[in-house]
Amino acid sequence: MYVVKSPLPDADQKIVAEALQGALVDLVDLSLVAKQVHWNVIGPRFRTVHLQLDDVVATARQYSDTVAERTSALGVPPDARASTVAAQSGIDQVTDGWIKDAEAVEVLVHALSAVITRMRERIQATDKPDPVTQDIFIGLTADLEKHHWMFQAEHG
């Protein structure tokens, strides 16, 4: 079987692979949480929150693909299986059923905050071993922080 070889030294590859895997899990879960809330949001601000949630889903899905492909390029198979995401995500679970618009906003503020905190740790961890991966994390974090700001502004 052919195996993809990393251009990074083994020690650096391990650090970067862990950061990428963690980011992948968080992004997949963020997209699922945002979609779950999107389908169940109710209230007077339904449309605004509903559309904002789709923006978060689009960002999370776009970057999850970028992160997974970067992981593969570095010789590590990415793992976004449901069991892996459930076990490793840093995002709290969302309750089932209808969710009031104000609560939906709060859920997203907390979910985004959790992911951003972990992404900032990954930015630091990848500084020396792989500036290319760090650059992906910086762009991703900037986009997540924009969503975080917009949901906070919606919260009032």
N, C-alpha and C. Protein backbone atom coordinates (compact mmCIF):
# COMPACT_ATOMS: atom_id res chain seq x y z
N MET A 1 0.85 -1.18 0.00
CA MET A 1 0.00 0.00 0.00
C MET A 1 0.89 1.24 0.00
N TYR A 2 0.56 2.19 -0.84
CA TYR A 2 1.29 3.45 -0.89
C TYR A 2 0.85 4.34 0.26
N VAL A 3 1.80 4.97 0.92
CA VAL A 3 1.51 5.87 2.02
C VAL A 3 2.04 7.26 1.68
N VAL A 4 1.24 8.28 1.93
CA VAL A 4 1.65 9.65 1.69
C VAL A 4 2.69 10.02 2.75
N LYS A 5 3.80 10.55 2.31
CA LYS A 5 4.88 10.93 3.22
C LYS A 5 4.82 12.44 3.48
N SER A 6 5.04 12.80 4.71
CA SER A 6 5.03 14.21 5.11
C SER A 6 6.36 14.86 4.79
N PRO A 7 6.33 16.12 4.35
CA PRO A 7 7.59 16.85 4.18
C PRO A 7 8.13 17.37 5.51
N LEU A 8 7.34 17.23 6.57
CA LEU A 8 7.75 17.72 7.89
C LEU A 8 8.53 16.65 8.65
N PRO A 9 9.44 17.08 9.52
CA PRO A 9 10.08 16.11 10.42
C PRO A 9 9.01 15.46 11.30
N ASP A 10 9.27 14.25 11.77
CA ASP A 10 8.28 13.48 12.53
C ASP A 10 7.70 14.23 13.72
N ALA A 11 8.56 14.88 14.51
CA ALA A 11 8.07 15.59 15.70
C ALA A 11 7.13 16.73 15.31
N ASP A 12 7.48 17.47 14.27
CA ASP A 12 6.62 18.57 13.80
C ASP A 12 5.32 18.02 13.21
N GLN A 13 5.42 16.93 12.46
CA GLN A 13 4.23 16.33 11.88
C GLN A 13 3.24 15.93 12.96
N LYS A 14 3.72 15.38 14.06
CA LYS A 14 2.84 14.96 15.15
C LYS A 14 2.09 16.15 15.74
N ILE A 15 2.78 17.24 16.01
CA ILE A 15 2.15 18.45 16.56
C ILE A 15 1.11 19.00 15.60
N VAL A 16 1.49 19.10 14.34
CA VAL A 16 0.60 19.69 13.33
C VAL A 16 -0.59 18.78 13.07
N ALA A 17 -0.35 17.48 13.00
CA ALA A 17 -1.45 16.54 12.76
C ALA A 17 -2.48 16.60 13.88
N GLU A 18 -2.03 16.70 15.12
CA GLU A 18 -2.96 16.80 16.25
C GLU A 18 -3.78 18.09 16.17
N ALA A 19 -3.14 19.17 15.80
CA ALA A 19 -3.84 20.45 15.66
C ALA A 19 -4.86 20.39 14.53
N LEU A 20 -4.46 19.82 13.40
CA LEU A 20 -5.37 19.71 12.26
C LEU A 20 -6.55 18.79 12.58
N GLN A 21 -6.28 17.67 13.23
CA GLN A 21 -7.35 16.73 13.58
C GLN A 21 -8.34 17.39 14.53
N GLY A 22 -7.83 18.10 15.52
CA GLY A 22 -8.71 18.80 16.45
C GLY A 22 -9.55 19.86 15.75
N ALA A 23 -8.94 20.58 14.83
CA ALA A 23 -9.67 21.60 14.07
C ALA A 23 -10.75 20.95 13.22
N LEU A 24 -10.43 19.84 12.59
CA LEU A 24 -11.40 19.14 11.75
C LEU A 24 -12.62 18.72 12.56
N VAL A 25 -12.38 18.12 13.69
CA VAL A 25 -13.48 17.67 14.56
C VAL A 25 -14.35 18.85 14.98
N ASP A 26 -13.72 19.93 15.42
CA ASP A 26 -14.48 21.10 15.85
C ASP A 26 -15.29 21.70 14.69
N LEU A 27 -14.71 21.75 13.51
CA LEU A 27 -15.42 22.34 12.37
C LEU A 27 -16.60 21.48 11.92
N VAL A 28 -16.41 20.18 11.89
CA VAL A 28 -17.52 19.29 11.52
C VAL A 28 -18.64 19.44 12.54
N ASP A 29 -18.29 19.45 13.82
CA ASP A 29 -19.32 19.59 14.85
C ASP A 29 -19.98 20.96 14.78
N LEU A 30 -19.21 22.01 14.54
CA LEU A 30 -19.79 23.34 14.42
C LEU A 30 -20.81 23.39 13.29
N SER A 31 -20.49 22.76 12.17
CA SER A 31 -21.44 22.75 11.05
C SER A 31 -22.71 21.99 11.42
N LEU A 32 -22.56 20.91 12.16
CA LEU A 32 -23.72 20.12 12.58
C LEU A 32 -24.57 20.86 13.61
N VAL A 33 -23.92 21.48 14.57
CA VAL A 33 -24.64 22.25 15.58
C VAL A 33 -25.40 23.41 14.93
N ALA A 34 -24.73 24.13 14.06
CA ALA A 34 -25.37 25.27 13.40
C ALA A 34 -26.54 24.81 12.53
N LYS A 35 -26.41 23.69 11.86
CA LYS A 35 -27.51 23.18 11.03
C LYS A 35 -28.66 22.70 11.91
N GLN A 36 -28.37 22.05 13.01
CA GLN A 36 -29.41 21.59 13.93
C GLN A 36 -30.22 22.79 14.45
N VAL A 37 -29.53 23.82 14.86
CA VAL A 37 -30.21 25.02 15.35
C VAL A 37 -30.97 25.69 14.20
N HIS A 38 -30.38 25.74 13.03
CA HIS A 38 -31.00 26.32 11.83
C HIS A 38 -32.37 25.68 11.54
N TRP A 39 -32.45 24.37 11.66
CA TRP A 39 -33.70 23.67 11.37
C TRP A 39 -34.76 23.87 12.45
N ASN A 40 -34.33 24.24 13.65
CA ASN A 40 -35.25 24.27 14.79
C ASN A 40 -35.49 25.64 15.40
N VAL A 41 -34.89 26.68 14.84
CA VAL A 41 -35.04 28.01 15.41
C VAL A 41 -36.46 28.54 15.16
N ILE A 42 -37.01 29.19 16.17
CA ILE A 42 -38.33 29.82 16.06
C ILE A 42 -38.27 31.18 16.77
N GLY A 43 -39.20 32.04 16.44
CA GLY A 43 -39.29 33.33 17.11
C GLY A 43 -39.30 34.48 16.13
N PRO A 44 -39.46 35.69 16.65
CA PRO A 44 -39.61 36.87 15.80
C PRO A 44 -38.38 37.16 14.93
N ARG A 45 -37.21 36.72 15.36
CA ARG A 45 -35.99 36.95 14.55
C ARG A 45 -35.61 35.70 13.77
N PHE A 46 -36.57 34.84 13.55
CA PHE A 46 -36.33 33.57 12.88
C PHE A 46 -35.50 33.73 11.60
N ARG A 47 -35.98 34.55 10.68
CA ARG A 47 -35.33 34.64 9.36
C ARG A 47 -33.88 35.11 9.47
N THR A 48 -33.64 36.14 10.26
CA THR A 48 -32.28 36.66 10.41
C THR A 48 -31.34 35.60 10.97
N VAL A 49 -31.76 34.95 12.06
CA VAL A 49 -30.93 33.93 12.70
C VAL A 49 -30.76 32.73 11.78
N HIS A 50 -31.84 32.33 11.13
CA HIS A 50 -31.83 31.20 10.20
C HIS A 50 -30.77 31.40 9.11
N LEU A 51 -30.75 32.57 8.51
CA LEU A 51 -29.79 32.86 7.44
C LEU A 51 -28.36 32.98 7.97
N GLN A 52 -28.22 33.58 9.15
CA GLN A 52 -26.90 33.71 9.77
C GLN A 52 -26.29 32.33 10.05
N LEU A 53 -27.13 31.40 10.45
CA LEU A 53 -26.67 30.04 10.74
C LEU A 53 -26.13 29.38 9.48
N ASP A 54 -26.77 29.60 8.36
CA ASP A 54 -26.27 29.03 7.10
C ASP A 54 -24.89 29.57 6.76
N ASP A 55 -24.62 30.83 7.10
CA ASP A 55 -23.30 31.40 6.86
C ASP A 55 -22.23 30.66 7.68
N VAL A 56 -22.56 30.35 8.93
CA VAL A 56 -21.63 29.61 9.78
C VAL A 56 -21.40 28.21 9.21
N VAL A 57 -22.46 27.55 8.79
CA VAL A 57 -22.35 26.21 8.21
C VAL A 57 -21.43 26.24 6.99
N ALA A 58 -21.63 27.22 6.12
CA ALA A 58 -20.80 27.33 4.91
C ALA A 58 -19.33 27.51 5.27
N THR A 59 -19.04 28.37 6.22
CA THR A 59 -17.65 28.59 6.65
C THR A 59 -17.06 27.31 7.23
N ALA A 60 -17.79 26.66 8.13
CA ALA A 60 -17.29 25.44 8.76
C ALA A 60 -17.05 24.34 7.74
N ARG A 61 -17.95 24.19 6.79
CA ARG A 61 -17.78 23.13 5.78
C ARG A 61 -16.61 23.44 4.85
N GLN A 62 -16.48 24.69 4.44
CA GLN A 62 -15.37 25.06 3.56
C GLN A 62 -14.04 24.78 4.24
N TYR A 63 -13.91 25.24 5.47
CA TYR A 63 -12.64 25.05 6.17
C TYR A 63 -12.40 23.61 6.60
N SER A 64 -13.46 22.86 6.86
CA SER A 64 -13.24 21.46 7.23
C SER A 64 -12.60 20.71 6.06
N ASP A 65 -13.00 21.04 4.84
CA ASP A 65 -12.39 20.43 3.67
C ASP A 65 -10.93 20.86 3.52
N THR A 66 -10.68 22.14 3.71
CA THR A 66 -9.31 22.66 3.63
C THR A 66 -8.42 21.99 4.68
N VAL A 67 -8.92 21.88 5.90
CA VAL A 67 -8.16 21.28 6.99
C VAL A 67 -7.92 19.79 6.73
N ALA A 68 -8.95 19.09 6.29
CA ALA A 68 -8.80 17.65 6.02
C ALA A 68 -7.79 17.41 4.89
N GLU A 69 -7.85 18.23 3.86
CA GLU A 69 -6.91 18.06 2.75
C GLU A 69 -5.48 18.42 3.17
N ARG A 70 -5.34 19.40 4.04
CA ARG A 70 -4.00 19.73 4.56
C ARG A 70 -3.47 18.56 5.38
N THR A 71 -4.32 17.94 6.17
CA THR A 71 -3.94 16.78 6.96
C THR A 71 -3.43 15.67 6.05
N SER A 72 -4.18 15.40 4.98
CA SER A 72 -3.78 14.37 4.02
C SER A 72 -2.46 14.72 3.35
N ALA A 73 -2.29 15.98 2.99
CA ALA A 73 -1.07 16.42 2.33
C ALA A 73 0.16 16.22 3.21
N LEU A 74 -0.07 16.21 4.53
CA LEU A 74 1.04 16.00 5.46
C LEU A 74 1.20 14.54 5.86
N GLY A 75 0.49 13.65 5.15
CA GLY A 75 0.70 12.22 5.34
C GLY A 75 -0.10 11.60 6.47
N VAL A 76 -1.14 12.29 6.93
CA VAL A 76 -1.96 11.76 8.02
C VAL A 76 -3.40 11.66 7.54
N PRO A 77 -4.02 10.50 7.67
CA PRO A 77 -5.41 10.38 7.24
C PRO A 77 -6.35 11.11 8.21
N PRO A 78 -7.15 12.06 7.69
CA PRO A 78 -8.08 12.78 8.56
C PRO A 78 -9.21 11.86 9.03
N ASP A 79 -9.77 12.16 10.20
CA ASP A 79 -10.83 11.33 10.76
C ASP A 79 -11.99 12.21 11.22
N ALA A 80 -13.07 12.20 10.45
CA ALA A 80 -14.27 12.96 10.80
C ALA A 80 -15.47 12.04 10.94
N ARG A 81 -15.21 10.80 11.34
CA ARG A 81 -16.33 9.88 11.59
C ARG A 81 -17.17 10.42 12.74
N ALA A 82 -18.45 10.10 12.71
CA ALA A 82 -19.38 10.60 13.73
C ALA A 82 -18.90 10.28 15.14
N SER A 83 -18.40 9.08 15.35
CA SER A 83 -17.94 8.69 16.69
C SER A 83 -16.73 9.53 17.13
N THR A 84 -15.85 9.84 16.20
CA THR A 84 -14.68 10.66 16.51
C THR A 84 -15.10 12.08 16.84
N VAL A 85 -15.98 12.64 16.03
CA VAL A 85 -16.47 14.00 16.27
C VAL A 85 -17.16 14.08 17.62
N ALA A 86 -18.03 13.12 17.91
CA ALA A 86 -18.76 13.11 19.18
C ALA A 86 -17.81 13.01 20.38
N ALA A 87 -16.76 12.24 20.24
CA ALA A 87 -15.84 12.02 21.36
C ALA A 87 -14.86 13.17 21.57
N GLN A 88 -14.52 13.90 20.50
CA GLN A 88 -13.41 14.85 20.60
C GLN A 88 -13.80 16.32 20.47
N SER A 89 -15.01 16.63 20.12
CA SER A 89 -15.40 18.02 19.90
C SER A 89 -15.35 18.83 21.19
N GLY A 90 -15.02 20.09 21.05
CA GLY A 90 -15.01 21.01 22.19
C GLY A 90 -16.30 21.80 22.33
N ILE A 91 -17.31 21.46 21.55
CA ILE A 91 -18.58 22.18 21.56
C ILE A 91 -19.60 21.42 22.40
N ASP A 92 -20.35 22.15 23.21
CA ASP A 92 -21.42 21.53 24.00
C ASP A 92 -22.52 21.01 23.08
N GLN A 93 -23.21 19.98 23.56
CA GLN A 93 -24.33 19.43 22.80
C GLN A 93 -25.50 20.41 22.76
N VAL A 94 -26.26 20.34 21.70
CA VAL A 94 -27.46 21.16 21.55
C VAL A 94 -28.66 20.32 21.98
N THR A 95 -29.59 20.94 22.69
CA THR A 95 -30.80 20.22 23.07
C THR A 95 -31.65 19.96 21.84
N ASP A 96 -32.51 18.97 21.94
CA ASP A 96 -33.39 18.68 20.81
C ASP A 96 -34.65 19.55 20.89
N GLY A 97 -35.38 19.57 19.81
CA GLY A 97 -36.64 20.32 19.76
C GLY A 97 -36.45 21.76 19.31
N TRP A 98 -37.56 22.49 19.36
CA TRP A 98 -37.55 23.89 18.94
C TRP A 98 -36.65 24.71 19.85
N ILE A 99 -36.06 25.73 19.28
CA ILE A 99 -35.16 26.59 20.05
C ILE A 99 -35.49 28.05 19.73
N LYS A 100 -35.80 28.80 20.78
CA LYS A 100 -36.14 30.22 20.60
C LYS A 100 -34.96 30.96 20.00
N ASP A 101 -35.26 31.97 19.20
CA ASP A 101 -34.22 32.70 18.49
C ASP A 101 -33.13 33.26 19.42
N ALA A 102 -33.51 33.81 20.56
CA ALA A 102 -32.51 34.35 21.50
C ALA A 102 -31.61 33.23 22.04
N GLU A 103 -32.19 32.08 22.33
CA GLU A 103 -31.40 30.94 22.80
C GLU A 103 -30.50 30.41 21.69
N ALA A 104 -31.00 30.41 20.46
CA ALA A 104 -30.20 29.97 19.32
C ALA A 104 -28.95 30.83 19.17
N VAL A 105 -29.13 32.12 19.32
CA VAL A 105 -28.00 33.04 19.23
C VAL A 105 -26.99 32.73 20.33
N GLU A 106 -27.48 32.51 21.54
CA GLU A 106 -26.61 32.19 22.67
C GLU A 106 -25.84 30.88 22.43
N VAL A 107 -26.53 29.89 21.90
CA VAL A 107 -25.87 28.61 21.60
C VAL A 107 -24.72 28.83 20.62
N LEU A 108 -24.95 29.64 19.60
CA LEU A 108 -23.89 29.87 18.61
C LEU A 108 -22.76 30.70 19.17
N VAL A 109 -23.06 31.68 20.00
CA VAL A 109 -22.00 32.46 20.63
C VAL A 109 -21.09 31.53 21.43
N HIS A 110 -21.67 30.63 22.20
CA HIS A 110 -20.86 29.70 23.01
C HIS A 110 -20.11 28.70 22.14
N ALA A 111 -20.76 28.17 21.12
CA ALA A 111 -20.10 27.21 20.24
C ALA A 111 -18.92 27.85 19.52
N LEU A 112 -19.14 29.04 18.98
CA LEU A 112 -18.06 29.74 18.28
C LEU A 112 -16.93 30.10 19.25
N SER A 113 -17.28 30.52 20.43
CA SER A 113 -16.26 30.86 21.43
C SER A 113 -15.38 29.64 21.75
N ALA A 114 -16.01 28.48 21.91
CA ALA A 114 -15.27 27.26 22.20
C ALA A 114 -14.30 26.92 21.08
N VAL A 115 -14.78 27.01 19.85
CA VAL A 115 -13.92 26.68 18.70
C VAL A 115 -12.80 27.71 18.56
N ILE A 116 -13.13 28.98 18.71
CA ILE A 116 -12.11 30.04 18.58
C ILE A 116 -11.02 29.87 19.63
N THR A 117 -11.38 29.58 20.84
CA THR A 117 -10.39 29.38 21.90
C THR A 117 -9.43 28.26 21.52
N ARG A 118 -9.98 27.16 21.05
CA ARG A 118 -9.14 26.03 20.65
C ARG A 118 -8.32 26.35 19.39
N MET A 119 -8.89 27.13 18.48
CA MET A 119 -8.15 27.50 17.26
C MET A 119 -6.97 28.39 17.61
N ARG A 120 -7.15 29.29 18.55
CA ARG A 120 -6.04 30.17 18.94
C ARG A 120 -4.90 29.36 19.57
N GLU A 121 -5.24 28.32 20.31
CA GLU A 121 -4.20 27.42 20.84
C GLU A 121 -3.47 26.72 19.70
N ARG A 122 -4.21 26.33 18.67
CA ARG A 122 -3.61 25.65 17.51
C ARG A 122 -2.73 26.61 16.71
N ILE A 123 -3.11 27.87 16.64
CA ILE A 123 -2.28 28.87 15.97
C ILE A 123 -0.92 28.93 16.66
N GLN A 124 -0.92 28.96 17.98
CA GLN A 124 0.33 29.00 18.75
C GLN A 124 1.14 27.71 18.55
N ALA A 125 0.45 26.59 18.59
CA ALA A 125 1.14 25.29 18.51
C ALA A 125 1.81 25.07 17.16
N THR A 126 1.27 25.64 16.10
CA THR A 126 1.81 25.41 14.75
C THR A 126 2.75 26.51 14.28
N ASP A 127 3.01 27.49 15.13
CA ASP A 127 3.86 28.63 14.75
C ASP A 127 5.22 28.18 14.20
N LYS A 128 5.92 27.38 14.95
CA LYS A 128 7.26 26.94 14.53
C LYS A 128 7.21 25.71 13.60
N PRO A 129 6.43 24.68 13.94
CA PRO A 129 6.49 23.47 13.14
C PRO A 129 5.93 23.59 11.72
N ASP A 130 4.94 24.47 11.50
CA ASP A 130 4.35 24.54 10.16
C ASP A 130 3.57 25.83 9.94
N PRO A 131 4.26 26.88 9.48
CA PRO A 131 3.59 28.15 9.22
C PRO A 131 2.50 28.06 8.15
N VAL A 132 2.57 27.08 7.28
CA VAL A 132 1.53 26.92 6.25
C VAL A 132 0.20 26.55 6.92
N THR A 133 0.24 25.57 7.82
CA THR A 133 -0.96 25.19 8.57
C THR A 133 -1.39 26.35 9.46
N GLN A 134 -0.44 27.01 10.09
CA GLN A 134 -0.78 28.15 10.94
C GLN A 134 -1.53 29.20 10.14
N ASP A 135 -1.13 29.44 8.91
CA ASP A 135 -1.80 30.42 8.05
C ASP A 135 -3.27 30.04 7.81
N ILE A 136 -3.51 28.76 7.58
CA ILE A 136 -4.89 28.28 7.42
C ILE A 136 -5.68 28.57 8.70
N PHE A 137 -5.08 28.26 9.84
CA PHE A 137 -5.76 28.49 11.12
C PHE A 137 -6.03 29.98 11.37
N ILE A 138 -5.11 30.84 10.96
CA ILE A 138 -5.30 32.28 11.15
C ILE A 138 -6.49 32.77 10.33
N GLY A 139 -6.55 32.38 9.06
CA GLY A 139 -7.68 32.79 8.21
C GLY A 139 -9.00 32.25 8.73
N LEU A 140 -8.99 30.99 9.14
CA LEU A 140 -10.18 30.35 9.68
C LEU A 140 -10.64 31.07 10.94
N THR A 141 -9.73 31.35 11.83
CA THR A 141 -10.08 32.01 13.09
C THR A 141 -10.63 33.41 12.85
N ALA A 142 -10.07 34.11 11.90
CA ALA A 142 -10.61 35.44 11.56
C ALA A 142 -12.06 35.33 11.11
N ASP A 143 -12.37 34.35 10.28
CA ASP A 143 -13.75 34.17 9.81
C ASP A 143 -14.67 33.76 10.95
N LEU A 144 -14.20 32.87 11.83
CA LEU A 144 -15.01 32.46 12.97
C LEU A 144 -15.26 33.63 13.92
N GLU A 145 -14.25 34.47 14.12
CA GLU A 145 -14.41 35.62 14.99
C GLU A 145 -15.41 36.63 14.41
N LYS A 146 -15.46 36.72 13.10
CA LYS A 146 -16.46 37.58 12.46
C LYS A 146 -17.87 37.05 12.76
N HIS A 147 -18.07 35.75 12.61
CA HIS A 147 -19.37 35.16 12.93
C HIS A 147 -19.70 35.37 14.42
N HIS A 148 -18.71 35.19 15.27
CA HIS A 148 -18.89 35.36 16.71
C HIS A 148 -19.36 36.78 17.02
N TRP A 149 -18.72 37.75 16.41
CA TRP A 149 -19.09 39.16 16.59
C TRP A 149 -20.53 39.39 16.14
N MET A 150 -20.87 38.85 14.97
CA MET A 150 -22.22 39.08 14.43
C MET A 150 -23.30 38.43 15.30
N PHE A 151 -23.04 37.26 15.83
CA PHE A 151 -24.02 36.64 16.72
C PHE A 151 -24.10 37.40 18.05
N GLN A 152 -22.98 37.89 18.54
CA GLN A 152 -23.03 38.70 19.77
C GLN A 152 -23.84 39.98 19.55
N ALA A 153 -23.67 40.60 18.39
CA ALA A 153 -24.43 41.81 18.07
C ALA A 153 -25.91 41.50 17.95
N GLU A 154 -26.25 40.31 17.46
CA GLU A 154 -27.63 39.88 17.35
C GLU A 154 -28.23 39.64 18.72
N HIS A 155 -27.39 39.22 19.66
CA HIS A 155 -27.85 38.91 21.02
C HIS A 155 -28.31 40.17 21.75
N GLY A 156 -27.64 41.28 21.45
CA GLY A 156 -28.02 42.54 22.07
C GLY A 156 -27.61 42.59 23.44
